[in-house]
Each structure stands twice: as C-alpha cells, then as structure tokens.
Amino acid sequence: MAKSHPAVIAIGKNRGHKTTKIQAKSPKPVSTKPKIGKRTKLVRQIISQVAGVSGYEKRVIEYLKAGSLKDTKRALKLTKKALGTHRRAKIKRENLMNLLRAQQAKKK
C-alpha cells in the first residue's frame, strides 16, 4: 500500500502546521522593573531628606569631588559593591553627582 501525500505541504510561504498568533500580551516584569511609582519615589525622597546620606555615599561623594576619571571609576566600583549590580551603581553615582552639583549651585 502506497503512502498518501499529507494535506498540508511543508514547502512555500504557508508551510508547516496551521497556528494562530497570540494576541498582545502584557509587558514582562523585567521591562517594568526600572520604573518607579509616584508613591515609592515620594517615600524614598522623604527618607533621604530625613536620614541624609549613608557612610558609603559620603565616601563616593568624596571621590566625585576629586573629579578625575580614576576617582569616578573608583566611585562606581564602591557603589557596585554596596548595591550589588552595575546598573544600580551607575544610577546611584549619577544621583550623587546631581546632589553634588545642587550643593555647589546653592553655595554660589
């Protein structure tokens, strides 16, 4: 007995099994992770005003005051050790740079 040909041919544009496209899904948590909500932002801002800067942040600010490229890298290395990830360290370093700029602008 000879084999019969399949109903769906596996050649050409519409080859393979018939499938339906999945409708638009909600974004994955990894893409929404860096976004901070209004409430969280407010709470963190109040805590930073009340508590001030921590010990390692003071050291980082001292490195950033020096201003050289070597000291900027050292500041990043220190924040990375304290916070755990490179992304968080870069964000923290940038925040501390902005804090330093604001303090210097206030003095003038």
PDB file of N, CA and C in Angstrom:
ATOM      1  N   MET A   1       0.832  -1.175   0.000  1.00  0.00           N
ATOM      2  CA  MET A   1       0.000   0.000   0.000  1.00  0.00           C
ATOM      3  C   MET A   1       0.882   1.245   0.000  1.00  0.00           C
ATOM      4  N   ALA A   2       0.640   2.142  -0.897  1.00  0.00           N
ATOM      5  CA  ALA A   2       1.444   3.346  -1.063  1.00  0.00           C
ATOM      6  C   ALA A   2       1.005   4.421  -0.066  1.00  0.00           C
ATOM      7  N   LYS A   3       1.992   5.226   0.362  1.00  0.00           N
ATOM      8  CA  LYS A   3       1.692   6.330   1.283  1.00  0.00           C
ATOM      9  C   LYS A   3       0.983   7.441   0.523  1.00  0.00           C
ATOM     10  N   SER A   4       0.002   8.035   1.168  1.00  0.00           N
ATOM     11  CA  SER A   4      -0.675   9.174   0.545  1.00  0.00           C
ATOM     12  C   SER A   4       0.028  10.460   0.961  1.00  0.00           C
ATOM     13  N   HIS A   5      -0.082  11.483   0.150  1.00  0.00           N
ATOM     14  CA  HIS A   5       0.549  12.765   0.445  1.00  0.00           C
ATOM     15  C   HIS A   5      -0.210  13.476   1.566  1.00  0.00           C
ATOM     16  N   PRO A   6       0.516  14.236   2.423  1.00  0.00           N
ATOM     17  CA  PRO A   6      -0.163  14.957   3.508  1.00  0.00           C
ATOM     18  C   PRO A   6      -1.022  16.083   2.957  1.00  0.00           C
ATOM     19  N   ALA A   7      -2.024  16.471   3.734  1.00  0.00           N
ATOM     20  CA  ALA A   7      -2.928  17.540   3.317  1.00  0.00           C
ATOM     21  C   ALA A   7      -2.218  18.887   3.308  1.00  0.00           C
ATOM     22  N   VAL A   8      -1.275  19.082   4.245  1.00  0.00           N
ATOM     23  CA  VAL A   8      -0.535  20.336   4.333  1.00  0.00           C
ATOM     24  C   VAL A   8       0.868  20.091   3.823  1.00  0.00           C
ATOM     25  N   ILE A   9       1.278  20.843   2.841  1.00  0.00           N
ATOM     26  CA  ILE A   9       2.607  20.669   2.256  1.00  0.00           C
ATOM     27  C   ILE A   9       3.600  21.554   3.012  1.00  0.00           C
ATOM     28  N   ALA A  10       4.773  21.007   3.317  1.00  0.00           N
ATOM     29  CA  ALA A  10       5.781  21.721   4.107  1.00  0.00           C
ATOM     30  C   ALA A  10       6.742  22.490   3.219  1.00  0.00           C
ATOM     31  N   ILE A  11       6.234  23.106   2.174  1.00  0.00           N
ATOM     32  CA  ILE A  11       7.060  23.902   1.269  1.00  0.00           C
ATOM     33  C   ILE A  11       6.316  25.198   0.989  1.00  0.00           C
ATOM     34  N   GLY A  12       7.048  26.280   0.869  1.00  0.00           N
ATOM     35  CA  GLY A  12       6.441  27.540   0.478  1.00  0.00           C
ATOM     36  C   GLY A  12       6.136  28.457   1.643  1.00  0.00           C
ATOM     37  N   LYS A  13       5.413  29.521   1.332  1.00  0.00           N
ATOM     38  CA  LYS A  13       5.147  30.578   2.314  1.00  0.00           C
ATOM     39  C   LYS A  13       4.315  30.091   3.499  1.00  0.00           C
ATOM     40  N   ASN A  14       3.266  29.342   3.246  1.00  0.00           N
ATOM     41  CA  ASN A  14       2.367  28.893   4.309  1.00  0.00           C
ATOM     42  C   ASN A  14       2.654  27.459   4.734  1.00  0.00           C
ATOM     43  N   ARG A  15       3.923  27.114   4.851  1.00  0.00           N
ATOM     44  CA  ARG A  15       4.300  25.740   5.168  1.00  0.00           C
ATOM     45  C   ARG A  15       4.103  25.435   6.649  1.00  0.00           C
ATOM     46  N   GLY A  16       4.110  24.168   6.975  1.00  0.00           N
ATOM     47  CA  GLY A  16       4.069  23.742   8.368  1.00  0.00           C
ATOM     48  C   GLY A  16       2.670  23.685   8.939  1.00  0.00           C
ATOM     49  N   HIS A  17       2.621  23.558  10.269  1.00  0.00           N
ATOM     50  CA  HIS A  17       1.334  23.442  10.955  1.00  0.00           C
ATOM     51  C   HIS A  17       0.599  24.768  10.949  1.00  0.00           C
ATOM     52  N   LYS A  18      -0.715  24.713  10.876  1.00  0.00           N
ATOM     53  CA  LYS A  18      -1.531  25.913  10.966  1.00  0.00           C
ATOM     54  C   LYS A  18      -1.539  26.375  12.424  1.00  0.00           C
ATOM     55  N   THR A  19      -1.216  27.623  12.664  1.00  0.00           N
ATOM     56  CA  THR A  19      -1.193  28.159  14.027  1.00  0.00           C
ATOM     57  C   THR A  19      -1.943  29.480  14.076  1.00  0.00           C
ATOM     58  N   THR A  20      -2.300  29.886  15.281  1.00  0.00           N
ATOM     59  CA  THR A  20      -2.919  31.194  15.461  1.00  0.00           C
ATOM     60  C   THR A  20      -1.963  32.056  16.264  1.00  0.00           C
ATOM     61  N   LYS A  21      -1.850  33.323  15.884  1.00  0.00           N
ATOM     62  CA  LYS A  21      -0.957  34.234  16.586  1.00  0.00           C
ATOM     63  C   LYS A  21      -1.530  34.560  17.956  1.00  0.00           C
ATOM     64  N   ILE A  22      -0.651  34.645  18.945  1.00  0.00           N
ATOM     65  CA  ILE A  22      -1.063  35.019  20.294  1.00  0.00           C
ATOM     66  C   ILE A  22      -1.306  36.523  20.312  1.00  0.00           C
ATOM     67  N   GLN A  23      -2.388  36.929  20.922  1.00  0.00           N
ATOM     68  CA  GLN A  23      -2.730  38.347  20.999  1.00  0.00           C
ATOM     69  C   GLN A  23      -1.708  39.079  21.874  1.00  0.00           C
ATOM     70  N   ALA A  24      -1.679  40.401  21.781  1.00  0.00           N
ATOM     71  CA  ALA A  24      -0.716  41.214  22.516  1.00  0.00           C
ATOM     72  C   ALA A  24      -0.789  40.906  24.007  1.00  0.00           C
ATOM     73  N   LYS A  25       0.368  40.539  24.569  1.00  0.00           N
ATOM     74  CA  LYS A  25       0.429  40.209  25.991  1.00  0.00           C
ATOM     75  C   LYS A  25       0.843  41.445  26.785  1.00  0.00           C
ATOM     76  N   SER A  26       0.612  41.391  28.081  1.00  0.00           N
ATOM     77  CA  SER A  26       1.056  42.477  28.945  1.00  0.00           C
ATOM     78  C   SER A  26       2.576  42.423  29.034  1.00  0.00           C
ATOM     79  N   PRO A  27       3.216  43.566  29.321  1.00  0.00           N
ATOM     80  CA  PRO A  27       4.682  43.577  29.352  1.00  0.00           C
ATOM     81  C   PRO A  27       5.229  42.684  30.456  1.00  0.00           C
ATOM     82  N   LYS A  28       6.388  42.126  30.189  1.00  0.00           N
ATOM     83  CA  LYS A  28       7.029  41.251  31.173  1.00  0.00           C
ATOM     84  C   LYS A  28       7.543  42.091  32.341  1.00  0.00           C
ATOM     85  N   PRO A  29       7.626  41.500  33.524  1.00  0.00           N
ATOM     86  CA  PRO A  29       8.085  42.254  34.693  1.00  0.00           C
ATOM     87  C   PRO A  29       9.482  42.843  34.527  1.00  0.00           C
ATOM     88  N   VAL A  30      10.349  42.187  33.754  1.00  0.00           N
ATOM     89  CA  VAL A  30      11.713  42.681  33.605  1.00  0.00           C
ATOM     90  C   VAL A  30      11.732  44.037  32.896  1.00  0.00           C
ATOM     91  N   SER A  31      10.747  44.298  32.031  1.00  0.00           N
ATOM     92  CA  SER A  31      10.733  45.575  31.327  1.00  0.00           C
ATOM     93  C   SER A  31      10.118  46.685  32.180  1.00  0.00           C
ATOM     94  N   THR A  32       9.307  46.339  33.159  1.00  0.00           N
ATOM     95  CA  THR A  32       8.702  47.358  34.007  1.00  0.00           C
ATOM     96  C   THR A  32       9.487  47.573  35.304  1.00  0.00           C
ATOM     97  N   LYS A  33      10.538  46.795  35.510  1.00  0.00           N
ATOM     98  CA  LYS A  33      11.279  46.851  36.771  1.00  0.00           C
ATOM     99  C   LYS A  33      11.928  48.209  37.058  1.00  0.00           C
ATOM    100  N   PRO A  34      12.604  48.847  36.095  1.00  0.00           N
ATOM    101  CA  PRO A  34      13.281  50.092  36.454  1.00  0.00           C
ATOM    102  C   PRO A  34      12.360  51.273  36.699  1.00  0.00           C
ATOM    103  N   LYS A  35      11.083  51.152  36.385  1.00  0.00           N
ATOM    104  CA  LYS A  35      10.164  52.271  36.561  1.00  0.00           C
ATOM    105  C   LYS A  35       9.726  52.363  38.019  1.00  0.00           C
ATOM    106  N   ILE A  36       9.764  53.575  38.565  1.00  0.00           N
ATOM    107  CA  ILE A  36       9.403  53.791  39.964  1.00  0.00           C
ATOM    108  C   ILE A  36       8.066  54.523  40.013  1.00  0.00           C
ATOM    109  N   GLY A  37       7.161  54.050  40.866  1.00  0.00           N
ATOM    110  CA  GLY A  37       5.861  54.686  41.020  1.00  0.00           C
ATOM    111  C   GLY A  37       5.950  55.992  41.791  1.00  0.00           C
ATOM    112  N   LYS A  38       4.880  56.767  41.758  1.00  0.00           N
ATOM    113  CA  LYS A  38       4.850  58.066  42.424  1.00  0.00           C
ATOM    114  C   LYS A  38       5.038  57.934  43.931  1.00  0.00           C
ATOM    115  N   ARG A  39       4.310  56.975  44.517  1.00  0.00           N
ATOM    116  CA  ARG A  39       4.363  56.800  45.974  1.00  0.00           C
ATOM    117  C   ARG A  39       5.763  56.379  46.426  1.00  0.00           C
ATOM    118  N   THR A  40       6.350  55.410  45.730  1.00  0.00           N
ATOM    119  CA  THR A  40       7.681  54.932  46.086  1.00  0.00           C
ATOM    120  C   THR A  40       8.701  56.053  45.967  1.00  0.00           C
ATOM    121  N   LYS A  41       8.582  56.843  44.905  1.00  0.00           N
ATOM    122  CA  LYS A  41       9.508  57.949  44.697  1.00  0.00           C
ATOM    123  C   LYS A  41       9.403  58.960  45.837  1.00  0.00           C
ATOM    124  N   LEU A  42       8.174  59.276  46.248  1.00  0.00           N
ATOM    125  CA  LEU A  42       7.949  60.225  47.333  1.00  0.00           C
ATOM    126  C   LEU A  42       8.521  59.708  48.650  1.00  0.00           C
ATOM    127  N   VAL A  43       8.264  58.429  48.950  1.00  0.00           N
ATOM    128  CA  VAL A  43       8.751  57.842  50.207  1.00  0.00           C
ATOM    129  C   VAL A  43      10.276  57.865  50.246  1.00  0.00           C
ATOM    130  N   ARG A  44      10.913  57.487  49.141  1.00  0.00           N
ATOM    131  CA  ARG A  44      12.383  57.483  49.102  1.00  0.00           C
ATOM    132  C   ARG A  44      12.948  58.883  49.255  1.00  0.00           C
ATOM    133  N   GLN A  45      12.270  59.858  48.665  1.00  0.00           N
ATOM    134  CA  GLN A  45      12.719  61.237  48.757  1.00  0.00           C
ATOM    135  C   GLN A  45      12.651  61.738  50.203  1.00  0.00           C
ATOM    136  N   ILE A  46      11.557  61.422  50.893  1.00  0.00           N
ATOM    137  CA  ILE A  46      11.398  61.842  52.289  1.00  0.00           C
ATOM    138  C   ILE A  46      12.442  61.167  53.177  1.00  0.00           C
ATOM    139  N   ILE A  47      12.663  59.878  52.959  1.00  0.00           N
ATOM    140  CA  ILE A  47      13.658  59.156  53.753  1.00  0.00           C
ATOM    141  C   ILE A  47      15.043  59.747  53.550  1.00  0.00           C
ATOM    142  N   SER A  48      15.392  60.078  52.308  1.00  0.00           N
ATOM    143  CA  SER A  48      16.720  60.642  52.054  1.00  0.00           C
ATOM    144  C   SER A  48      16.872  62.014  52.694  1.00  0.00           C
ATOM    145  N   GLN A  49      15.774  62.792  52.764  1.00  0.00           N
ATOM    146  CA  GLN A  49      15.839  64.102  53.414  1.00  0.00           C
ATOM    147  C   GLN A  49      16.007  63.958  54.922  1.00  0.00           C
ATOM    148  N   VAL A  50      15.310  62.999  55.507  1.00  0.00           N
ATOM    149  CA  VAL A  50      15.362  62.822  56.961  1.00  0.00           C
ATOM    150  C   VAL A  50      16.677  62.174  57.393  1.00  0.00           C
ATOM    151  N   ALA A  51      17.059  61.088  56.701  1.00  0.00           N
ATOM    152  CA  ALA A  51      18.218  60.308  57.126  1.00  0.00           C
ATOM    153  C   ALA A  51      19.533  60.865  56.605  1.00  0.00           C
ATOM    154  N   GLY A  52      19.508  61.613  55.532  1.00  0.00           N
ATOM    155  CA  GLY A  52      20.751  62.105  54.937  1.00  0.00           C
ATOM    156  C   GLY A  52      21.409  61.019  54.111  1.00  0.00           C
ATOM    157  N   VAL A  53      22.706  61.143  53.910  1.00  0.00           N
ATOM    158  CA  VAL A  53      23.429  60.150  53.107  1.00  0.00           C
ATOM    159  C   VAL A  53      24.105  59.140  54.020  1.00  0.00           C
ATOM    160  N   SER A  54      24.259  57.933  53.519  1.00  0.00           N
ATOM    161  CA  SER A  54      24.885  56.871  54.307  1.00  0.00           C
ATOM    162  C   SER A  54      26.405  56.988  54.230  1.00  0.00           C
ATOM    163  N   GLY A  55      27.074  56.119  54.946  1.00  0.00           N
ATOM    164  CA  GLY A  55      28.529  56.172  55.025  1.00  0.00           C
ATOM    165  C   GLY A  55      29.210  55.961  53.691  1.00  0.00           C
ATOM    166  N   TYR A  56      28.771  54.943  52.953  1.00  0.00           N
ATOM    167  CA  TYR A  56      29.431  54.674  51.673  1.00  0.00           C
ATOM    168  C   TYR A  56      29.134  55.796  50.670  1.00  0.00           C
ATOM    169  N   GLU A  57      27.960  56.421  50.801  1.00  0.00           N
ATOM    170  CA  GLU A  57      27.623  57.532  49.905  1.00  0.00           C
ATOM    171  C   GLU A  57      28.524  58.731  50.167  1.00  0.00           C
ATOM    172  N   LYS A  58      28.902  58.944  51.433  1.00  0.00           N
ATOM    173  CA  LYS A  58      29.826  60.033  51.755  1.00  0.00           C
ATOM    174  C   LYS A  58      31.183  59.786  51.118  1.00  0.00           C
ATOM    175  N   ARG A  59      31.630  58.538  51.151  1.00  0.00           N
ATOM    176  CA  ARG A  59      32.909  58.191  50.516  1.00  0.00           C
ATOM    177  C   ARG A  59      32.837  58.394  49.014  1.00  0.00           C
ATOM    178  N   VAL A  60      31.721  58.001  48.422  1.00  0.00           N
ATOM    179  CA  VAL A  60      31.541  58.166  46.983  1.00  0.00           C
ATOM    180  C   VAL A  60      31.550  59.653  46.620  1.00  0.00           C
ATOM    181  N   ILE A  61      30.910  60.479  47.431  1.00  0.00           N
ATOM    182  CA  ILE A  61      30.879  61.922  47.172  1.00  0.00           C
ATOM    183  C   ILE A  61      32.291  62.494  47.234  1.00  0.00           C
ATOM    184  N   GLU A  62      33.100  62.012  48.159  1.00  0.00           N
ATOM    185  CA  GLU A  62      34.490  62.471  48.246  1.00  0.00           C
ATOM    186  C   GLU A  62      35.261  62.111  46.976  1.00  0.00           C
ATOM    187  N   TYR A  63      35.041  60.902  46.444  1.00  0.00           N
ATOM    188  CA  TYR A  63      35.675  60.516  45.186  1.00  0.00           C
ATOM    189  C   TYR A  63      35.202  61.414  44.048  1.00  0.00           C
ATOM    190  N   LEU A  64      33.913  61.708  44.016  1.00  0.00           N
ATOM    191  CA  LEU A  64      33.368  62.513  42.933  1.00  0.00           C
ATOM    192  C   LEU A  64      33.831  63.968  43.015  1.00  0.00           C
ATOM    193  N   LYS A  65      34.106  64.445  44.228  1.00  0.00           N
ATOM    194  CA  LYS A  65      34.613  65.807  44.384  1.00  0.00           C
ATOM    195  C   LYS A  65      35.988  65.944  43.751  1.00  0.00           C
ATOM    196  N   ALA A  66      36.779  64.868  43.798  1.00  0.00           N
ATOM    197  CA  ALA A  66      38.113  64.892  43.197  1.00  0.00           C
ATOM    198  C   ALA A  66      38.004  65.115  41.692  1.00  0.00           C
ATOM    199  N   GLY A  67      36.998  64.489  41.076  1.00  0.00           N
ATOM    200  CA  GLY A  67      36.677  64.796  39.688  1.00  0.00           C
ATOM    201  C   GLY A  67      37.467  64.086  38.617  1.00  0.00           C
ATOM    202  N   SER A  68      38.524  63.376  38.963  1.00  0.00           N
ATOM    203  CA  SER A  68      39.295  62.697  37.915  1.00  0.00           C
ATOM    204  C   SER A  68      38.563  61.441  37.447  1.00  0.00           C
ATOM    205  N   LEU A  69      38.946  60.971  36.279  1.00  0.00           N
ATOM    206  CA  LEU A  69      38.325  59.776  35.702  1.00  0.00           C
ATOM    207  C   LEU A  69      38.583  58.556  36.588  1.00  0.00           C
ATOM    208  N   LYS A  70      39.780  58.488  37.129  1.00  0.00           N
ATOM    209  CA  LYS A  70      40.153  57.373  38.003  1.00  0.00           C
ATOM    210  C   LYS A  70      39.253  57.337  39.241  1.00  0.00           C
ATOM    211  N   ASP A  71      39.019  58.500  39.825  1.00  0.00           N
ATOM    212  CA  ASP A  71      38.185  58.560  41.030  1.00  0.00           C
ATOM    213  C   ASP A  71      36.713  58.289  40.716  1.00  0.00           C
ATOM    214  N   THR A  72      36.270  58.670  39.517  1.00  0.00           N
ATOM    215  CA  THR A  72      34.896  58.385  39.109  1.00  0.00           C
ATOM    216  C   THR A  72      34.688  56.881  38.974  1.00  0.00           C
ATOM    217  N   LYS A  73      35.691  56.216  38.408  1.00  0.00           N
ATOM    218  CA  LYS A  73      35.620  54.751  38.279  1.00  0.00           C
ATOM    219  C   LYS A  73      35.653  54.090  39.654  1.00  0.00           C
ATOM    220  N   ARG A  74      36.472  54.642  40.532  1.00  0.00           N
ATOM    221  CA  ARG A  74      36.560  54.104  41.902  1.00  0.00           C
ATOM    222  C   ARG A  74      35.214  54.268  42.609  1.00  0.00           C
ATOM    223  N   ALA A  75      34.548  55.388  42.375  1.00  0.00           N
ATOM    224  CA  ALA A  75      33.228  55.634  42.966  1.00  0.00           C
ATOM    225  C   ALA A  75      32.223  54.604  42.457  1.00  0.00           C
ATOM    226  N   LEU A  76      32.288  54.296  41.159  1.00  0.00           N
ATOM    227  CA  LEU A  76      31.392  53.290  40.584  1.00  0.00           C
ATOM    228  C   LEU A  76      31.657  51.916  41.197  1.00  0.00           C
ATOM    229  N   LYS A  77      32.921  51.593  41.366  1.00  0.00           N
ATOM    230  CA  LYS A  77      33.285  50.295  41.943  1.00  0.00           C
ATOM    231  C   LYS A  77      32.772  50.173  43.376  1.00  0.00           C
ATOM    232  N   LEU A  78      32.880  51.258  44.128  1.00  0.00           N
ATOM    233  CA  LEU A  78      32.420  51.260  45.518  1.00  0.00           C
ATOM    234  C   LEU A  78      30.904  51.107  45.601  1.00  0.00           C
ATOM    235  N   THR A  79      30.178  51.840  44.757  1.00  0.00           N
ATOM    236  CA  THR A  79      28.717  51.732  44.775  1.00  0.00           C
ATOM    237  C   THR A  79      28.260  50.365  44.288  1.00  0.00           C
ATOM    238  N   LYS A  80      28.977  49.792  43.330  1.00  0.00           N
ATOM    239  CA  LYS A  80      28.619  48.458  42.834  1.00  0.00           C
ATOM    240  C   LYS A  80      28.763  47.420  43.942  1.00  0.00           C
ATOM    241  N   LYS A  81      29.802  47.557  44.728  1.00  0.00           N
ATOM    242  CA  LYS A  81      29.996  46.627  45.844  1.00  0.00           C
ATOM    243  C   LYS A  81      28.893  46.778  46.880  1.00  0.00           C
ATOM    244  N   ALA A  82      28.460  48.018  47.114  1.00  0.00           N
ATOM    245  CA  ALA A  82      27.425  48.271  48.116  1.00  0.00           C
ATOM    246  C   ALA A  82      26.041  47.855  47.641  1.00  0.00           C
ATOM    247  N   LEU A  83      25.738  48.082  46.353  1.00  0.00           N
ATOM    248  CA  LEU A  83      24.379  47.866  45.855  1.00  0.00           C
ATOM    249  C   LEU A  83      24.189  46.537  45.133  1.00  0.00           C
ATOM    250  N   GLY A  84      25.252  45.968  44.596  1.00  0.00           N
ATOM    251  CA  GLY A  84      25.142  44.635  44.017  1.00  0.00           C
ATOM    252  C   GLY A  84      25.152  44.549  42.508  1.00  0.00           C
ATOM    253  N   THR A  85      24.588  45.534  41.796  1.00  0.00           N
ATOM    254  CA  THR A  85      24.558  45.443  40.342  1.00  0.00           C
ATOM    255  C   THR A  85      25.150  46.702  39.712  1.00  0.00           C
ATOM    256  N   HIS A  86      25.633  46.539  38.484  1.00  0.00           N
ATOM    257  CA  HIS A  86      26.260  47.634  37.756  1.00  0.00           C
ATOM    258  C   HIS A  86      25.244  48.728  37.433  1.00  0.00           C
ATOM    259  N   ARG A  87      24.047  48.317  37.037  1.00  0.00           N
ATOM    260  CA  ARG A  87      23.002  49.287  36.676  1.00  0.00           C
ATOM    261  C   ARG A  87      22.629  50.161  37.870  1.00  0.00           C
ATOM    262  N   ARG A  88      22.404  49.547  39.020  1.00  0.00           N
ATOM    263  CA  ARG A  88      22.057  50.312  40.225  1.00  0.00           C
ATOM    264  C   ARG A  88      23.193  51.243  40.628  1.00  0.00           C
ATOM    265  N   ALA A  89      24.429  50.750  40.456  1.00  0.00           N
ATOM    266  CA  ALA A  89      25.594  51.558  40.813  1.00  0.00           C
ATOM    267  C   ALA A  89      25.694  52.794  39.928  1.00  0.00           C
ATOM    268  N   LYS A  90      25.443  52.645  38.634  1.00  0.00           N
ATOM    269  CA  LYS A  90      25.503  53.786  37.719  1.00  0.00           C
ATOM    270  C   LYS A  90      24.432  54.819  38.071  1.00  0.00           C
ATOM    271  N   ILE A  91      23.236  54.333  38.384  1.00  0.00           N
ATOM    272  CA  ILE A  91      22.142  55.241  38.740  1.00  0.00           C
ATOM    273  C   ILE A  91      22.461  55.983  40.033  1.00  0.00           C
ATOM    274  N   LYS A  92      22.985  55.268  41.026  1.00  0.00           N
ATOM    275  CA  LYS A  92      23.324  55.890  42.310  1.00  0.00           C
ATOM    276  C   LYS A  92      24.428  56.922  42.137  1.00  0.00           C
ATOM    277  N   ARG A  93      25.444  56.587  41.335  1.00  0.00           N
ATOM    278  CA  ARG A  93      26.540  57.526  41.097  1.00  0.00           C
ATOM    279  C   ARG A  93      26.017  58.801  40.428  1.00  0.00           C
ATOM    280  N   GLU A  94      25.132  58.629  39.465  1.00  0.00           N
ATOM    281  CA  GLU A  94      24.546  59.794  38.780  1.00  0.00           C
ATOM    282  C   GLU A  94      23.721  60.645  39.754  1.00  0.00           C
ATOM    283  N   ASN A  95      22.955  59.985  40.632  1.00  0.00           N
ATOM    284  CA  ASN A  95      22.172  60.715  41.636  1.00  0.00           C
ATOM    285  C   ASN A  95      23.075  61.503  42.579  1.00  0.00           C
ATOM    286  N   LEU A  96      24.182  60.893  42.996  1.00  0.00           N
ATOM    287  CA  LEU A  96      25.109  61.576  43.893  1.00  0.00           C
ATOM    288  C   LEU A  96      25.818  62.729  43.183  1.00  0.00           C
ATOM    289  N   MET A  97      26.094  62.567  41.888  1.00  0.00           N
ATOM    290  CA  MET A  97      26.676  63.667  41.112  1.00  0.00           C
ATOM    291  C   MET A  97      25.710  64.843  41.053  1.00  0.00           C
ATOM    292  N   ASN A  98      24.428  64.531  40.836  1.00  0.00           N
ATOM    293  CA  ASN A  98      23.409  65.592  40.801  1.00  0.00           C
ATOM    294  C   ASN A  98      23.292  66.283  42.153  1.00  0.00           C
ATOM    295  N   LEU A  99      23.376  65.501  43.242  1.00  0.00           N
ATOM    296  CA  LEU A  99      23.339  66.059  44.586  1.00  0.00           C
ATOM    297  C   LEU A  99      24.505  67.008  44.809  1.00  0.00           C
ATOM    298  N   LEU A 100      25.674  66.601  44.349  1.00  0.00           N
ATOM    299  CA  LEU A 100      26.872  67.413  44.478  1.00  0.00           C
ATOM    300  C   LEU A 100      26.754  68.708  43.684  1.00  0.00           C
ATOM    301  N   ARG A 101      26.212  68.600  42.451  1.00  0.00           N
ATOM    302  CA  ARG A 101      26.004  69.791  41.623  1.00  0.00           C
ATOM    303  C   ARG A 101      25.023  70.768  42.276  1.00  0.00           C
ATOM    304  N   ALA A 102      23.967  70.212  42.873  1.00  0.00           N
ATOM    305  CA  ALA A 102      22.966  71.048  43.538  1.00  0.00           C
ATOM    306  C   ALA A 102      23.577  71.775  44.734  1.00  0.00           C
ATOM    307  N   GLN A 103      24.439  71.086  45.489  1.00  0.00           N
ATOM    308  CA  GLN A 103      25.089  71.701  46.643  1.00  0.00           C
ATOM    309  C   GLN A 103      26.022  72.829  46.194  1.00  0.00           C
ATOM    310  N   GLN A 104      26.741  72.591  45.094  1.00  0.00           N
ATOM    311  CA  GLN A 104      27.663  73.617  44.605  1.00  0.00           C
ATOM    312  C   GLN A 104      26.912  74.815  44.041  1.00  0.00           C
ATOM    313  N   ALA A 105      25.774  74.566  43.402  1.00  0.00           N
ATOM    314  CA  ALA A 105      24.963  75.658  42.870  1.00  0.00           C
ATOM    315  C   ALA A 105      24.355  76.492  44.007  1.00  0.00           C
ATOM    316  N   LYS A 106      24.023  75.823  45.116  1.00  0.00           N
ATOM    317  CA  LYS A 106      23.453  76.512  46.262  1.00  0.00           C
ATOM    318  C   LYS A 106      24.483  77.450  46.908  1.00  0.00           C
ATOM    319  N   LYS A 107      25.747  77.038  46.907  1.00  0.00           N
ATOM    320  CA  LYS A 107      26.812  77.845  47.517  1.00  0.00           C
ATOM    321  C   LYS A 107      27.045  79.136  46.739  1.00  0.00           C
ATOM    322  N   LYS A 108      26.861  79.089  45.416  1.00  0.00           N
ATOM    323  CA  LYS A 108      27.126  80.257  44.574  1.00  0.00           C
ATOM    324  C   LYS A 108      26.056  81.267  44.646  1.00  0.00           C
TER     325      LYS A 108
END
